[in-house]
Amino acid sequence: MTHPKEEQTLAIIKPDGIQRSLVGEIINRYERVGLKLVGLKMFVPSEEMVEKHYLLDPSWKRKVGEKAIESYKKRGLTPPSENPEEVGQRVLEGLKKYITAGPVVAMVWQGAHAVEVVRKLTGGTEPRSSDVGTIRGDYMLDSYQMADGDSRAVRNLIHASGTHEEAEKEIPHWFSKDELMQYKIIQEKILYDVNLDGILE
C-alpha cells in the first residue's frame, strides 16, 4: 500500500491560465502547501488526446450530461436535449475546442493527500461560485450562465483529478514513467519526519 505522502495527482493549467500569465502563481499555490512537483511539461494537446482524457471514465459523458441537464433546469432553462449522452457530447466538444486552443502546462504533484489538497486549492468547477482563497475563486469570474449563453466550455483555468482513481488513470495518459522525477526536497524532512530529528545542532 502506498504511503499517503507518496500520493500523486494530475493538474493541467488550461490555455486561459497560460494567457492570463498565471502559471507561476498556480505553481506557487501548490508548492506553498508542501506538495512536490514531479512532472512538468508544456505543449498543445490534440483533440484526440483531450477526448481520450475525459473518456477514461466510460460513464463520464452520461454523468456530465445528467449534471448539465439538471443545471439547466435549476436555472429555469430548457436543456438542449433530454438525452444525457447527447448533452455530454456537446460538453465534450466544447472542452476539446477550449483545451486545444493553445498551450497547456501539465503537472504531476506528489504529497500527503495530494488529490484532495489540489482540488481544495483549485476550487469548484464554476469560478463564479468558487470560494475566495481558491485559485478559481481568486483569478477567474466565468460562470455556467456565461458559458451556456456563448455555447462554450466554462473557462476555469485548471483541470485537477477529482479522485484517486481518476489520478491513477489520468497521469499515465499525460506522462510516461520516464517523465516523472523521483527526488527528495528538504521540506519533506519537516513535513514527514516522525520525530523532527536533526533540527537542533
Foldseek 3Di string as FASTA:
>chain_A
DDDLFFQKWKKKFAPVCVVVVCPVVLVCLLVVVPKDWFFKDKDQDALVLLLCLQCVPVCSQLVVLVVVCVVQVVVVHHDPDPRSNVSSVLQSVQVSCRRNVHMMMMTMIGGRVSQVVSDLQLFDPALCPGDPNHPSVPPHNWGPVVCVVVSHHTDRRMDIQNDSVSRVSNDVSVDDPVRTDDDDDPCCLVVPPPVSPDPDD
